[in-house]
Amino acid sequence: MDTMQMMKSMSMDMPEGMTMDMAMMQECIMSMNACQMACMMCAGQDMGMDDMGRCASMCMDMADMAQTAMGMMMRPMGMDMAAMQAMLMACVAMGKACMAECEMHADMAECCRYCAMACKDMMMKAEAMMASMQMA
């Protein structure tokens, strides 16, 4: 089953006083998923290269954070708005760090170029999602 179809079939009633653009959340989840995959592939590639330990570690950290953020977004009924905003802010911060590290290697490692692009997209989607989140 397509996960977007599944999300559309779920009740997305937010806890009282909370609002969020659910279409934006779906876009954020898709971008987090792409970022997680790019980071895991980049980390796997980096592990076999000399002097790429920092890059591999940052990519693995970003992948872990993206996975956790996606899990939180897929459970909207139990969402705590402050915790979700903090998680998204942490993802943006880690995304900036991972992107900067990967950009330093982008000219010699194609995986780093793709990873940096995925981090950038994820950051944009996370920032847009945070802007859509409101407490009444």
N, C-alpha and C. Protein backbone atom coordinates (compact mmCIF):
# COMPACT_ATOMS: atom_id res chain seq x y z
N MET A 1 0.84 -1.19 0.00
CA MET A 1 0.00 0.00 0.00
C MET A 1 0.88 1.24 0.00
N ASP A 2 0.49 2.22 -0.73
CA ASP A 2 1.17 3.51 -0.79
C ASP A 2 0.98 4.22 0.55
N THR A 3 2.08 4.69 1.15
CA THR A 3 1.97 5.33 2.47
C THR A 3 1.15 6.61 2.43
N MET A 4 1.16 7.31 1.30
CA MET A 4 0.36 8.53 1.21
C MET A 4 -1.13 8.17 1.23
N GLN A 5 -1.51 7.09 0.58
CA GLN A 5 -2.90 6.63 0.64
C GLN A 5 -3.27 6.26 2.06
N MET A 6 -2.36 5.58 2.73
CA MET A 6 -2.62 5.17 4.10
C MET A 6 -2.80 6.38 5.02
N MET A 7 -1.94 7.39 4.86
CA MET A 7 -2.07 8.59 5.68
C MET A 7 -3.40 9.30 5.43
N LYS A 8 -3.82 9.32 4.18
CA LYS A 8 -5.09 9.97 3.85
C LYS A 8 -6.27 9.24 4.48
N SER A 9 -6.11 7.93 4.70
CA SER A 9 -7.20 7.15 5.28
C SER A 9 -7.26 7.28 6.81
N MET A 10 -6.18 7.79 7.41
CA MET A 10 -6.11 7.92 8.86
C MET A 10 -6.85 9.16 9.33
N SER A 11 -7.39 9.08 10.53
CA SER A 11 -7.97 10.26 11.15
C SER A 11 -6.83 11.19 11.52
N MET A 12 -6.88 12.40 11.05
CA MET A 12 -5.82 13.36 11.33
C MET A 12 -6.31 14.47 12.25
N ASP A 13 -7.29 14.15 13.07
CA ASP A 13 -7.76 15.15 14.02
C ASP A 13 -6.65 15.38 15.03
N MET A 14 -6.19 16.60 15.09
CA MET A 14 -5.13 16.96 16.02
C MET A 14 -5.73 17.16 17.41
N PRO A 15 -4.91 17.00 18.44
CA PRO A 15 -5.39 17.30 19.78
C PRO A 15 -5.95 18.72 19.84
N GLU A 16 -6.88 18.95 20.73
CA GLU A 16 -7.56 20.24 20.83
C GLU A 16 -6.57 21.39 20.90
N GLY A 17 -6.82 22.40 20.10
CA GLY A 17 -6.01 23.60 20.11
C GLY A 17 -4.81 23.57 19.18
N MET A 18 -4.61 22.46 18.47
CA MET A 18 -3.46 22.35 17.58
C MET A 18 -3.93 22.29 16.13
N THR A 19 -3.20 22.98 15.27
CA THR A 19 -3.48 22.89 13.84
C THR A 19 -2.16 22.73 13.09
N MET A 20 -2.26 22.03 11.97
CA MET A 20 -1.09 21.81 11.13
C MET A 20 -1.57 21.48 9.73
N ASP A 21 -0.83 21.91 8.74
CA ASP A 21 -1.13 21.61 7.35
C ASP A 21 -0.71 20.17 7.07
N MET A 22 -1.68 19.27 6.95
CA MET A 22 -1.38 17.85 6.79
C MET A 22 -0.70 17.53 5.45
N ALA A 23 -1.03 18.27 4.40
CA ALA A 23 -0.36 18.06 3.12
C ALA A 23 1.12 18.42 3.26
N MET A 24 1.41 19.48 4.01
CA MET A 24 2.78 19.88 4.24
C MET A 24 3.52 18.82 5.07
N MET A 25 2.79 18.23 6.03
CA MET A 25 3.39 17.18 6.84
C MET A 25 3.75 15.98 5.96
N GLN A 26 2.87 15.62 5.02
CA GLN A 26 3.16 14.50 4.12
C GLN A 26 4.39 14.80 3.27
N GLU A 27 4.51 16.03 2.78
CA GLU A 27 5.69 16.41 2.00
C GLU A 27 6.94 16.33 2.85
N CYS A 28 6.83 16.74 4.10
CA CYS A 28 7.96 16.69 5.02
C CYS A 28 8.38 15.24 5.27
N ILE A 29 7.43 14.37 5.47
CA ILE A 29 7.73 12.95 5.68
C ILE A 29 8.45 12.37 4.46
N MET A 30 7.96 12.69 3.27
CA MET A 30 8.60 12.18 2.05
C MET A 30 10.03 12.70 1.93
N SER A 31 10.24 13.97 2.26
CA SER A 31 11.57 14.55 2.18
C SER A 31 12.49 13.96 3.26
N MET A 32 11.95 13.74 4.46
CA MET A 32 12.73 13.10 5.53
C MET A 32 13.15 11.69 5.10
N ASN A 33 12.24 10.97 4.46
CA ASN A 33 12.54 9.62 4.00
C ASN A 33 13.66 9.65 2.95
N ALA A 34 13.56 10.57 2.01
CA ALA A 34 14.60 10.69 0.98
C ALA A 34 15.93 11.08 1.61
N CYS A 35 15.90 11.96 2.59
CA CYS A 35 17.11 12.39 3.28
C CYS A 35 17.72 11.21 4.04
N GLN A 36 16.88 10.46 4.73
CA GLN A 36 17.38 9.31 5.48
C GLN A 36 18.08 8.32 4.54
N MET A 37 17.45 8.02 3.42
CA MET A 37 18.04 7.06 2.48
C MET A 37 19.35 7.59 1.90
N ALA A 38 19.36 8.88 1.51
CA ALA A 38 20.59 9.47 0.95
C ALA A 38 21.71 9.45 1.98
N CYS A 39 21.38 9.77 3.22
CA CYS A 39 22.40 9.78 4.28
C CYS A 39 22.93 8.39 4.56
N MET A 40 22.07 7.39 4.57
CA MET A 40 22.52 6.02 4.81
C MET A 40 23.42 5.54 3.67
N MET A 41 23.05 5.85 2.44
CA MET A 41 23.88 5.44 1.31
C MET A 41 25.21 6.17 1.32
N CYS A 42 25.18 7.47 1.66
CA CYS A 42 26.42 8.24 1.71
C CYS A 42 27.33 7.71 2.81
N ALA A 43 26.76 7.43 3.97
CA ALA A 43 27.55 6.90 5.07
C ALA A 43 28.19 5.57 4.68
N GLY A 44 27.43 4.73 4.02
CA GLY A 44 27.96 3.44 3.58
C GLY A 44 29.10 3.60 2.60
N GLN A 45 28.98 4.56 1.71
CA GLN A 45 30.04 4.83 0.73
C GLN A 45 31.26 5.44 1.42
N ASP A 46 31.00 6.37 2.35
CA ASP A 46 32.10 7.06 3.04
C ASP A 46 32.95 6.12 3.87
N MET A 47 32.33 5.08 4.43
CA MET A 47 33.07 4.17 5.31
C MET A 47 34.24 3.51 4.60
N GLY A 48 34.15 3.37 3.31
CA GLY A 48 35.23 2.73 2.56
C GLY A 48 36.29 3.69 2.07
N MET A 49 36.14 4.97 2.39
CA MET A 49 37.09 5.98 1.89
C MET A 49 37.94 6.53 3.04
N ASP A 50 39.19 6.82 2.74
CA ASP A 50 40.09 7.40 3.74
C ASP A 50 39.60 8.79 4.14
N ASP A 51 39.76 9.12 5.39
CA ASP A 51 39.46 10.46 5.93
C ASP A 51 38.01 10.89 5.77
N MET A 52 37.08 9.95 5.72
CA MET A 52 35.67 10.30 5.57
C MET A 52 34.86 9.87 6.80
N GLY A 53 35.53 9.58 7.90
CA GLY A 53 34.84 9.14 9.10
C GLY A 53 33.86 10.17 9.65
N ARG A 54 34.26 11.44 9.66
CA ARG A 54 33.37 12.50 10.16
C ARG A 54 32.12 12.60 9.29
N CYS A 55 32.31 12.55 8.00
CA CYS A 55 31.17 12.63 7.08
C CYS A 55 30.23 11.44 7.29
N ALA A 56 30.79 10.25 7.39
CA ALA A 56 29.97 9.05 7.59
C ALA A 56 29.18 9.15 8.90
N SER A 57 29.85 9.61 9.94
CA SER A 57 29.18 9.73 11.24
C SER A 57 28.05 10.76 11.20
N MET A 58 28.30 11.89 10.57
CA MET A 58 27.26 12.92 10.47
C MET A 58 26.07 12.42 9.65
N CYS A 59 26.37 11.70 8.59
CA CYS A 59 25.29 11.15 7.76
C CYS A 59 24.46 10.15 8.56
N MET A 60 25.10 9.30 9.34
CA MET A 60 24.36 8.33 10.15
C MET A 60 23.51 9.03 11.21
N ASP A 61 24.05 10.09 11.82
CA ASP A 61 23.28 10.85 12.80
C ASP A 61 22.05 11.49 12.15
N MET A 62 22.24 12.06 10.96
CA MET A 62 21.11 12.68 10.27
C MET A 62 20.07 11.64 9.90
N ALA A 63 20.50 10.49 9.45
CA ALA A 63 19.57 9.41 9.10
C ALA A 63 18.76 8.99 10.32
N ASP A 64 19.42 8.85 11.46
CA ASP A 64 18.71 8.48 12.69
C ASP A 64 17.69 9.53 13.09
N MET A 65 18.08 10.80 12.99
CA MET A 65 17.15 11.88 13.35
C MET A 65 15.95 11.92 12.42
N ALA A 66 16.20 11.74 11.13
CA ALA A 66 15.10 11.75 10.16
C ALA A 66 14.13 10.61 10.45
N GLN A 67 14.66 9.44 10.77
CA GLN A 67 13.81 8.29 11.09
C GLN A 67 12.93 8.58 12.31
N THR A 68 13.51 9.17 13.34
CA THR A 68 12.76 9.48 14.54
C THR A 68 11.70 10.54 14.26
N ALA A 69 12.05 11.57 13.51
CA ALA A 69 11.08 12.62 13.18
C ALA A 69 9.92 12.06 12.37
N MET A 70 10.23 11.18 11.41
CA MET A 70 9.15 10.57 10.62
C MET A 70 8.21 9.77 11.52
N GLY A 71 8.76 9.02 12.45
CA GLY A 71 7.93 8.25 13.37
C GLY A 71 7.00 9.15 14.16
N MET A 72 7.52 10.27 14.62
CA MET A 72 6.68 11.22 15.38
C MET A 72 5.57 11.78 14.51
N MET A 73 5.88 12.11 13.25
CA MET A 73 4.88 12.69 12.36
C MET A 73 3.80 11.69 11.98
N MET A 74 4.13 10.42 11.98
CA MET A 74 3.15 9.40 11.60
C MET A 74 2.20 9.04 12.73
N ARG A 75 2.37 9.68 13.87
CA ARG A 75 1.47 9.49 15.01
C ARG A 75 0.90 10.84 15.44
N PRO A 76 0.13 11.50 14.58
CA PRO A 76 -0.33 12.86 14.90
C PRO A 76 -1.24 12.95 16.12
N MET A 77 -1.98 11.92 16.42
CA MET A 77 -2.89 12.00 17.57
C MET A 77 -2.12 12.11 18.90
N GLY A 78 -0.93 11.57 18.95
CA GLY A 78 -0.14 11.63 20.16
C GLY A 78 0.92 12.72 20.13
N MET A 79 0.84 13.59 19.14
CA MET A 79 1.87 14.59 18.95
C MET A 79 1.81 15.69 20.01
N ASP A 80 2.97 15.99 20.54
CA ASP A 80 3.12 17.16 21.40
C ASP A 80 3.77 18.23 20.53
N MET A 81 3.08 19.36 20.37
CA MET A 81 3.53 20.39 19.45
C MET A 81 4.94 20.89 19.80
N ALA A 82 5.21 21.14 21.07
CA ALA A 82 6.53 21.65 21.46
C ALA A 82 7.63 20.63 21.15
N ALA A 83 7.36 19.36 21.43
CA ALA A 83 8.34 18.31 21.16
C ALA A 83 8.56 18.16 19.64
N MET A 84 7.49 18.25 18.86
CA MET A 84 7.62 18.13 17.41
C MET A 84 8.43 19.30 16.84
N GLN A 85 8.15 20.50 17.33
CA GLN A 85 8.92 21.66 16.85
C GLN A 85 10.39 21.52 17.23
N ALA A 86 10.66 21.04 18.44
CA ALA A 86 12.05 20.84 18.86
C ALA A 86 12.73 19.79 17.98
N MET A 87 12.02 18.72 17.64
CA MET A 87 12.59 17.67 16.79
C MET A 87 12.89 18.22 15.40
N LEU A 88 11.95 18.99 14.86
CA LEU A 88 12.18 19.57 13.53
C LEU A 88 13.34 20.56 13.55
N MET A 89 13.44 21.35 14.61
CA MET A 89 14.56 22.29 14.72
C MET A 89 15.88 21.53 14.80
N ALA A 90 15.89 20.42 15.53
CA ALA A 90 17.10 19.59 15.63
C ALA A 90 17.44 18.99 14.26
N CYS A 91 16.44 18.57 13.52
CA CYS A 91 16.67 18.02 12.18
C CYS A 91 17.26 19.08 11.25
N VAL A 92 16.74 20.30 11.35
CA VAL A 92 17.27 21.39 10.52
C VAL A 92 18.73 21.66 10.90
N ALA A 93 19.03 21.71 12.19
CA ALA A 93 20.41 21.96 12.63
C ALA A 93 21.35 20.84 12.16
N MET A 94 20.93 19.59 12.32
CA MET A 94 21.77 18.47 11.89
C MET A 94 21.87 18.44 10.38
N GLY A 95 20.77 18.78 9.70
CA GLY A 95 20.78 18.84 8.24
C GLY A 95 21.78 19.86 7.73
N LYS A 96 21.85 21.03 8.38
CA LYS A 96 22.83 22.06 7.97
C LYS A 96 24.25 21.55 8.15
N ALA A 97 24.50 20.90 9.28
CA ALA A 97 25.84 20.38 9.55
C ALA A 97 26.21 19.27 8.56
N CYS A 98 25.30 18.36 8.32
CA CYS A 98 25.55 17.25 7.40
C CYS A 98 25.73 17.78 5.98
N MET A 99 24.89 18.72 5.58
CA MET A 99 24.99 19.30 4.24
C MET A 99 26.34 19.99 4.06
N ALA A 100 26.76 20.77 5.06
CA ALA A 100 28.04 21.47 4.96
C ALA A 100 29.20 20.49 4.83
N GLU A 101 29.16 19.42 5.62
CA GLU A 101 30.22 18.41 5.54
C GLU A 101 30.22 17.74 4.17
N CYS A 102 29.06 17.34 3.71
CA CYS A 102 28.98 16.66 2.40
C CYS A 102 29.36 17.59 1.26
N GLU A 103 29.03 18.87 1.36
CA GLU A 103 29.40 19.81 0.30
C GLU A 103 30.91 19.93 0.14
N MET A 104 31.65 19.72 1.24
CA MET A 104 33.11 19.78 1.15
C MET A 104 33.67 18.65 0.30
N HIS A 105 32.91 17.58 0.13
CA HIS A 105 33.39 16.41 -0.61
C HIS A 105 32.62 16.21 -1.92
N ALA A 106 31.69 17.09 -2.22
CA ALA A 106 30.78 16.88 -3.34
C ALA A 106 31.49 16.78 -4.69
N ASP A 107 32.63 17.43 -4.82
CA ASP A 107 33.33 17.38 -6.10
C ASP A 107 34.09 16.07 -6.32
N MET A 108 34.32 15.32 -5.22
CA MET A 108 35.05 14.05 -5.38
C MET A 108 34.19 12.83 -5.03
N ALA A 109 33.03 13.06 -4.45
CA ALA A 109 32.16 11.94 -4.06
C ALA A 109 30.71 12.27 -4.43
N GLU A 110 30.22 11.62 -5.45
CA GLU A 110 28.85 11.86 -5.93
C GLU A 110 27.81 11.62 -4.85
N CYS A 111 28.05 10.63 -3.98
CA CYS A 111 27.10 10.35 -2.91
C CYS A 111 26.97 11.56 -1.99
N CYS A 112 28.05 12.27 -1.75
CA CYS A 112 28.02 13.46 -0.89
C CYS A 112 27.20 14.57 -1.56
N ARG A 113 27.32 14.70 -2.86
CA ARG A 113 26.54 15.73 -3.57
C ARG A 113 25.05 15.46 -3.44
N TYR A 114 24.65 14.21 -3.63
CA TYR A 114 23.23 13.86 -3.49
C TYR A 114 22.75 14.00 -2.06
N CYS A 115 23.59 13.62 -1.12
CA CYS A 115 23.23 13.73 0.29
C CYS A 115 23.01 15.19 0.68
N ALA A 116 23.90 16.07 0.24
CA ALA A 116 23.76 17.49 0.53
C ALA A 116 22.45 18.04 -0.04
N MET A 117 22.11 17.62 -1.25
CA MET A 117 20.84 18.07 -1.86
C MET A 117 19.65 17.57 -1.06
N ALA A 118 19.70 16.32 -0.62
CA ALA A 118 18.59 15.75 0.16
C ALA A 118 18.45 16.46 1.51
N CYS A 119 19.58 16.77 2.14
CA CYS A 119 19.53 17.52 3.41
C CYS A 119 18.91 18.89 3.21
N LYS A 120 19.29 19.56 2.13
CA LYS A 120 18.76 20.90 1.86
C LYS A 120 17.24 20.86 1.66
N ASP A 121 16.76 19.88 0.90
CA ASP A 121 15.32 19.76 0.68
C ASP A 121 14.59 19.45 1.99
N MET A 122 15.17 18.56 2.79
CA MET A 122 14.56 18.21 4.06
C MET A 122 14.46 19.44 4.97
N MET A 123 15.51 20.24 5.00
CA MET A 123 15.49 21.45 5.84
C MET A 123 14.39 22.41 5.40
N MET A 124 14.25 22.59 4.09
CA MET A 124 13.19 23.48 3.59
C MET A 124 11.82 22.97 3.98
N LYS A 125 11.59 21.67 3.84
CA LYS A 125 10.29 21.08 4.17
C LYS A 125 10.03 21.12 5.68
N ALA A 126 11.06 20.89 6.49
CA ALA A 126 10.90 20.94 7.94
C ALA A 126 10.58 22.37 8.39
N GLU A 127 11.26 23.34 7.81
CA GLU A 127 10.98 24.74 8.17
C GLU A 127 9.56 25.14 7.77
N ALA A 128 9.12 24.68 6.61
CA ALA A 128 7.75 24.97 6.16
C ALA A 128 6.74 24.31 7.09
N MET A 129 7.03 23.09 7.51
CA MET A 129 6.11 22.41 8.43
C MET A 129 6.04 23.14 9.76
N MET A 130 7.19 23.57 10.28
CA MET A 130 7.17 24.31 11.54
C MET A 130 6.34 25.57 11.42
N ALA A 131 6.43 26.24 10.29
CA ALA A 131 5.65 27.46 10.07
C ALA A 131 4.15 27.18 10.04
N SER A 132 3.78 25.95 9.64
CA SER A 132 2.35 25.61 9.56
C SER A 132 1.76 25.17 10.89
N MET A 133 2.62 24.90 11.86
CA MET A 133 2.17 24.38 13.16
C MET A 133 1.73 25.55 14.05
N GLN A 134 0.54 25.39 14.62
CA GLN A 134 0.02 26.47 15.46
C GLN A 134 -0.72 25.89 16.64
N MET A 135 -0.62 26.59 17.75
CA MET A 135 -1.42 26.30 18.92
C MET A 135 -2.50 27.37 19.00
N ALA A 136 -3.72 26.94 19.21
CA ALA A 136 -4.82 27.92 19.28
C ALA A 136 -4.88 28.54 20.66
